[in-house]
Amino acid sequence: MNTPDAQSPEAEGKAAVKSAPAPVPPSISMREFLEEKPPGSREFVNDWVLERQYSTELKLADPIVLKCPLCDSQQNFSPVNSPTVGDRGKNTTDCFVIYKCRNCEKFHKRYAITLRPKGKELPILVYKHGEDPAFGIGIPSELRQLLAADKLLLEKALQCEAASLGIGAFVYYRRILESMKGRLFDKVIEVAQKIDAGDEALTWLKAAKQDRQFTKSLDEIRSTGLHAIYIDGHNPLTLLFDEVSDGVHSGTDEENLMSAQRIRIVLGHLAGRLQALMLEQSEVKSAMAALLQAKKAREERRAAGGKPA
């Protein structure tokens, strides 16, 4: 009786490659894509399938949080429509997505997107053509206060970022960091004094502020003990100035855009942390002063009447 020949190692290897599942690309949620990504963004979005009896629809995040001009505040928005994905999720589909403010129920936000499915089990590739009203990047009030003197540069940086002009956005954020270096150090020094960061930290910060060279200033910043402003154990000042130390990145416009977004996010966190430390210290000092005053009043009552407090 003849037995079938065993497969060669090469044939077995090819069979294994054919049967291996397709790699799952890194992806984000639909909520993050609609809320945070500017027009021109192309991202893989997960959890997108909404199966109907006779069609496949795009599963939209509900709610998403946007600024409502009519309510003049951040509000929850819910989808008005649910676009059908062509040929049950097999073909590219161009569509509009519409959301309505839950609060006033009058204001609508519209997105123009293209869906490119890779299979129902995989994240869908979504391209954002535009949105109406125009995309706007939310800036924390603490960051606007910190960058008040660079308001025009900030607006231009945000305009470039919203339009996905990566090199332009990066250049404006770099100019902001160069312009605000002295004022930023003044703010950090003020916080260092408030939180009693120590003489060594203050000495290094003051020396670094006067140094015109970024690289030397960075070495000095690394020597400080301002761990209260660190992010995951890293000094945000070092991260920010390292990011722009080599000028415009030689990479793609998309890479420059990602760099600009990182700078904005870290700057915003730093501004918020500095203000929080100032407020925390003021609250602690106020509470200590109130405790001391109450203690003094008790002692005066005991001295006057001999009664325990």
Protein backbone atom coordinates (compact mmCIF):
# COMPACT_ATOMS: atom_id res chain seq x y z
CA MET A 1 0.00 0.00 0.00
CA ASN A 2 1.40 3.34 -1.03
CA THR A 3 1.70 6.04 1.60
CA PRO A 4 1.65 9.75 0.73
CA ASP A 5 4.97 11.48 0.76
CA ALA A 6 5.59 13.81 3.70
CA GLN A 7 5.61 17.49 2.90
CA SER A 8 8.97 19.14 2.53
CA PRO A 9 10.01 21.76 5.17
CA GLU A 10 9.61 24.49 2.53
CA ALA A 11 6.03 23.40 1.74
CA GLU A 12 5.17 23.20 5.42
CA GLY A 13 6.57 26.73 5.92
CA LYS A 14 4.45 28.10 3.06
CA ALA A 15 1.34 26.42 4.42
CA ALA A 16 1.97 27.93 7.85
CA VAL A 17 2.36 31.39 6.32
CA LYS A 18 -0.92 30.99 4.41
CA SER A 19 -2.83 29.87 7.50
CA ALA A 20 -1.39 32.57 9.81
CA PRO A 21 -3.98 35.18 10.76
CA ALA A 22 -3.58 38.70 9.40
CA PRO A 23 -1.86 41.03 11.90
CA VAL A 24 -4.18 43.43 13.70
CA PRO A 25 -3.05 47.03 13.12
CA PRO A 26 -2.87 49.49 16.05
CA SER A 27 -6.22 51.22 16.33
CA ILE A 28 -8.17 53.86 18.24
CA SER A 29 -11.82 54.24 19.20
CA MET A 30 -14.37 56.02 17.03
CA ARG A 31 -14.88 58.51 19.86
CA GLU A 32 -11.19 59.46 19.86
CA PHE A 33 -11.13 59.70 16.06
CA LEU A 34 -14.12 62.07 15.86
CA GLU A 35 -13.27 64.20 18.90
CA GLU A 36 -9.51 64.59 18.58
CA LYS A 37 -8.25 63.91 15.06
CA PRO A 38 -8.11 66.83 12.58
CA PRO A 39 -9.19 66.68 8.93
CA GLY A 40 -6.63 64.81 6.88
CA SER A 41 -6.22 62.13 9.56
CA ARG A 42 -6.18 58.49 8.49
CA GLU A 43 -6.59 56.01 11.37
CA PHE A 44 -7.60 52.43 12.02
CA VAL A 45 -10.76 52.43 14.16
CA ASN A 46 -11.83 49.45 16.25
CA ASP A 47 -15.28 48.13 17.28
CA TRP A 48 -16.90 49.56 14.15
CA VAL A 49 -19.31 46.85 13.01
CA LEU A 50 -23.05 47.17 13.57
CA GLU A 51 -24.80 44.20 11.97
CA ARG A 52 -28.36 44.54 10.69
CA GLN A 53 -30.50 41.85 9.05
CA TYR A 54 -29.74 43.00 5.51
CA SER A 55 -26.81 45.40 5.90
CA THR A 56 -23.65 46.29 7.82
CA GLU A 57 -23.61 49.74 9.40
CA LEU A 58 -20.91 51.88 10.96
CA LYS A 59 -21.14 51.64 14.74
CA LEU A 60 -20.83 55.22 16.01
CA ALA A 61 -19.70 56.27 19.48
CA ASP A 62 -22.55 57.51 21.67
CA PRO A 63 -21.99 59.96 23.15
CA ILE A 64 -19.00 62.03 22.08
CA VAL A 65 -18.07 65.26 23.86
CA LEU A 66 -17.80 68.46 21.80
CA LYS A 67 -18.10 72.20 22.33
CA CYS A 68 -21.64 73.38 21.52
CA PRO A 69 -21.65 77.03 20.38
CA LEU A 70 -25.34 77.41 21.24
CA CYS A 71 -24.87 76.09 24.78
CA ASP A 72 -21.41 77.74 25.03
CA SER A 73 -20.03 74.71 26.87
CA GLN A 74 -18.84 71.14 26.43
CA GLN A 75 -21.82 68.86 25.84
CA ASN A 76 -22.63 65.25 25.00
CA PHE A 77 -23.50 64.66 21.34
CA SER A 78 -25.38 61.66 19.95
CA PRO A 79 -25.40 60.33 16.35
CA VAL A 80 -28.36 61.23 14.15
CA ASN A 81 -27.57 58.70 11.42
CA SER A 82 -25.77 55.39 11.06
CA PRO A 83 -24.11 55.08 7.63
CA THR A 84 -24.35 51.78 5.75
CA VAL A 85 -21.00 50.30 4.78
CA GLY A 86 -20.92 49.23 1.13
CA ASP A 87 -21.53 45.58 0.26
CA ARG A 88 -21.83 44.51 3.90
CA GLY A 89 -18.45 45.88 4.88
CA LYS A 90 -16.42 44.74 1.88
CA ASN A 91 -16.11 47.93 -0.16
CA THR A 92 -14.92 51.51 0.33
CA THR A 93 -17.72 53.85 1.39
CA ASP A 94 -17.89 57.67 1.39
CA CYS A 95 -20.39 59.04 3.87
CA PHE A 96 -21.49 61.86 6.14
CA VAL A 97 -21.80 61.37 9.89
CA ILE A 98 -24.09 63.73 11.79
CA TYR A 99 -24.22 64.33 15.55
CA LYS A 100 -26.67 66.46 17.57
CA CYS A 101 -26.18 68.21 20.90
CA ARG A 102 -28.14 66.38 23.59
CA ASN A 103 -28.59 69.56 25.64
CA CYS A 104 -30.09 72.08 23.22
CA GLU A 105 -31.07 69.48 20.59
CA LYS A 106 -30.50 72.14 17.91
CA PHE A 107 -26.80 72.25 17.12
CA HIS A 108 -25.46 69.65 14.65
CA LYS A 109 -21.91 68.57 13.94
CA ARG A 110 -21.19 66.97 10.54
CA TYR A 111 -18.23 64.86 9.41
CA ALA A 112 -17.22 63.78 5.90
CA ILE A 113 -15.34 60.48 6.08
CA THR A 114 -14.25 57.56 3.92
CA LEU A 115 -14.41 53.99 5.23
CA ARG A 116 -12.05 51.32 3.91
CA PRO A 117 -12.83 47.95 5.54
CA LYS A 118 -10.12 45.31 5.82
CA GLY A 119 -12.55 42.66 7.02
CA LYS A 120 -15.20 42.61 9.72
CA GLU A 121 -12.82 41.06 12.24
CA LEU A 122 -10.21 43.80 11.73
CA PRO A 123 -10.24 47.55 12.52
CA ILE A 124 -11.62 49.70 9.72
CA LEU A 125 -9.44 52.35 8.06
CA VAL A 126 -11.18 55.74 8.32
CA TYR A 127 -10.12 58.95 6.57
CA LYS A 128 -11.52 62.30 7.76
CA HIS A 129 -11.99 64.72 4.85
CA GLY A 130 -13.49 67.54 6.87
CA GLU A 131 -16.05 68.62 9.44
CA ASP A 132 -18.58 71.40 9.87
CA PRO A 133 -18.23 73.54 11.93
CA ALA A 134 -14.48 73.51 11.34
CA PHE A 135 -12.24 71.41 13.56
CA GLY A 136 -11.03 73.22 16.65
CA ILE A 137 -8.44 72.06 19.15
CA GLY A 138 -9.38 72.56 22.78
CA ILE A 139 -6.74 74.33 24.84
CA PRO A 140 -6.78 74.20 28.66
CA SER A 141 -7.27 77.63 30.25
CA GLU A 142 -4.01 77.15 32.19
CA LEU A 143 -2.08 76.81 28.93
CA ARG A 144 -3.72 79.89 27.43
CA GLN A 145 -2.72 81.86 30.52
CA LEU A 146 0.85 80.57 30.34
CA LEU A 147 1.06 81.47 26.62
CA ALA A 148 -0.78 84.81 26.84
CA ALA A 149 2.25 86.70 25.51
CA ASP A 150 2.48 84.27 22.57
CA LYS A 151 -1.22 84.29 21.74
CA LEU A 152 -0.72 84.94 18.01
CA LEU A 153 1.89 82.18 17.68
CA LEU A 154 -0.42 79.79 19.51
CA GLU A 155 -3.35 80.58 17.21
CA LYS A 156 -1.18 80.00 14.12
CA ALA A 157 0.13 76.73 15.58
CA LEU A 158 -3.42 75.55 16.25
CA GLN A 159 -4.57 76.57 12.75
CA CYS A 160 -1.73 74.59 11.16
CA GLU A 161 -2.40 71.61 13.43
CA ALA A 162 -6.13 71.67 12.65
CA ALA A 163 -5.33 71.75 8.92
CA SER A 164 -2.84 68.84 9.32
CA LEU A 165 0.06 71.09 8.25
CA GLY A 166 2.64 69.24 10.29
CA ILE A 167 5.78 71.21 9.48
CA GLY A 168 4.01 74.54 10.00
CA ALA A 169 2.54 73.44 13.34
CA PHE A 170 5.90 72.13 14.55
CA VAL A 171 7.72 75.34 13.58
CA TYR A 172 5.19 77.52 15.45
CA TYR A 173 5.38 75.39 18.59
CA ARG A 174 9.18 75.55 18.41
CA ARG A 175 9.00 79.35 18.18
CA ILE A 176 6.64 79.37 21.17
CA LEU A 177 9.11 77.37 23.26
CA GLU A 178 11.96 79.67 22.24
CA SER A 179 9.92 82.78 23.01
CA MET A 180 8.58 81.60 26.36
CA LYS A 181 11.75 80.00 27.71
CA GLY A 182 12.51 82.83 30.13
CA ARG A 183 8.90 83.20 31.28
CA LEU A 184 8.53 79.43 31.65
CA PHE A 185 11.60 79.27 33.87
CA ASP A 186 10.28 82.19 35.94
CA LYS A 187 7.06 80.26 36.51
CA VAL A 188 8.91 77.06 37.43
CA ILE A 189 11.19 79.03 39.79
CA GLU A 190 8.13 80.57 41.44
CA VAL A 191 6.63 77.12 41.95
CA ALA A 192 9.97 75.74 43.20
CA GLN A 193 10.06 78.46 45.85
CA LYS A 194 6.44 77.78 46.85
CA ILE A 195 6.95 74.04 47.29
CA ASP A 196 10.40 74.39 48.91
CA ALA A 197 12.18 72.43 46.18
CA GLY A 198 15.54 73.30 47.74
CA ASP A 199 18.45 75.64 47.12
CA GLU A 200 20.11 73.31 44.61
CA ALA A 201 17.03 73.22 42.40
CA LEU A 202 16.69 77.01 42.49
CA THR A 203 20.38 77.53 41.71
CA TRP A 204 20.23 75.25 38.67
CA LEU A 205 16.98 76.76 37.39
CA LYS A 206 18.27 80.33 37.63
CA ALA A 207 21.51 79.39 35.86
CA ALA A 208 19.64 77.50 33.14
CA LYS A 209 17.31 80.46 32.54
CA GLN A 210 20.27 82.70 31.72
CA ASP A 211 21.95 80.18 29.43
CA ARG A 212 21.32 80.85 25.76
CA GLN A 213 22.20 77.33 24.62
CA PHE A 214 19.39 74.82 24.77
CA THR A 215 21.64 71.80 25.24
CA LYS A 216 23.53 73.21 28.22
CA SER A 217 20.28 74.42 29.75
CA LEU A 218 18.88 70.93 29.42
CA ASP A 219 21.81 69.43 31.32
CA GLU A 220 21.16 71.92 34.09
CA ILE A 221 17.41 71.23 34.12
CA ARG A 222 18.11 67.52 34.56
CA SER A 223 20.03 68.25 37.75
CA THR A 224 17.07 69.84 39.56
CA GLY A 225 14.90 68.12 42.11
CA LEU A 226 11.50 69.31 40.87
CA HIS A 227 9.95 65.85 40.90
CA ALA A 228 6.51 67.37 41.60
CA ILE A 229 6.26 68.47 37.94
CA TYR A 230 7.54 65.20 36.47
CA ILE A 231 5.37 63.05 34.18
CA ASP A 232 5.85 59.31 34.68
CA GLY A 233 9.26 60.00 36.20
CA HIS A 234 10.43 62.29 33.38
CA ASN A 235 11.08 66.02 33.40
CA PRO A 236 8.60 67.66 30.96
CA LEU A 237 10.98 70.59 30.43
CA THR A 238 13.64 68.20 29.19
CA LEU A 239 11.15 66.40 26.96
CA LEU A 240 9.86 69.63 25.42
CA PHE A 241 13.20 71.23 24.61
CA ASP A 242 14.72 67.94 23.44
CA GLU A 243 11.84 67.67 20.96
CA VAL A 244 12.76 70.95 19.25
CA SER A 245 16.53 70.97 19.81
CA ASP A 246 17.33 69.73 16.29
CA GLY A 247 14.98 72.09 14.45
CA VAL A 248 12.38 70.84 11.98
CA HIS A 249 12.27 67.05 11.77
CA SER A 250 13.58 65.51 8.58
CA GLY A 251 10.65 63.11 8.54
CA THR A 252 7.28 63.36 6.87
CA ASP A 253 4.70 66.07 7.40
CA GLU A 254 2.68 63.53 9.39
CA GLU A 255 5.64 62.90 11.72
CA ASN A 256 6.03 66.64 12.28
CA LEU A 257 2.30 66.87 13.02
CA MET A 258 2.58 64.13 15.64
CA SER A 259 5.55 65.95 17.18
CA ALA A 260 3.55 69.22 17.32
CA GLN A 261 0.66 67.39 19.01
CA ARG A 262 3.04 65.92 21.60
CA ILE A 263 4.44 69.37 22.37
CA ARG A 264 0.94 70.83 22.85
CA ILE A 265 -0.20 67.98 25.10
CA VAL A 266 2.90 68.06 27.33
CA LEU A 267 2.83 71.87 27.52
CA GLY A 268 -0.82 71.72 28.56
CA HIS A 269 -0.08 69.14 31.25
CA LEU A 270 2.86 71.19 32.55
CA ALA A 271 0.81 74.39 32.68
CA GLY A 272 -1.94 72.61 34.60
CA ARG A 273 0.54 71.01 37.00
CA LEU A 274 2.27 74.31 37.76
CA GLN A 275 -1.02 76.01 38.52
CA ALA A 276 -2.22 73.07 40.63
CA LEU A 277 0.98 73.16 42.71
CA MET A 278 0.53 76.88 43.30
CA LEU A 279 -3.09 76.37 44.38
CA GLU A 280 -2.25 73.37 46.55
CA GLN A 281 0.47 75.30 48.33
CA SER A 282 -1.82 78.31 48.86
CA GLU A 283 -4.54 76.05 50.26
CA VAL A 284 -2.09 74.32 52.59
CA LYS A 285 -0.73 77.65 53.86
CA SER A 286 -4.26 78.97 54.35
CA ALA A 287 -5.25 75.83 56.25
CA MET A 288 -2.12 76.03 58.42
CA ALA A 289 -2.82 79.69 59.19
CA ALA A 290 -6.40 78.82 60.20
CA LEU A 291 -5.18 75.98 62.45
CA LEU A 292 -2.67 78.26 64.15
CA GLN A 293 -5.33 80.93 64.66
CA ALA A 294 -7.73 78.38 66.18
CA LYS A 295 -4.97 77.09 68.46
CA LYS A 296 -4.20 80.63 69.63
CA ALA A 297 -7.90 81.27 70.34
CA ARG A 298 -8.13 78.09 72.43
CA GLU A 299 -5.05 79.03 74.41
CA GLU A 300 -6.47 82.52 75.05
CA ARG A 301 -9.76 81.02 76.26
CA ARG A 302 -7.94 78.65 78.61
CA ALA A 303 -5.82 81.48 79.95
CA ALA A 304 -8.87 83.69 80.54
CA GLY A 305 -11.29 81.16 82.07
CA GLY A 306 -9.22 78.19 82.95
CA LYS A 307 -11.58 75.96 80.95
CA PRO A 308 -10.35 73.21 78.68
CA ALA A 309 -10.86 73.83 74.96
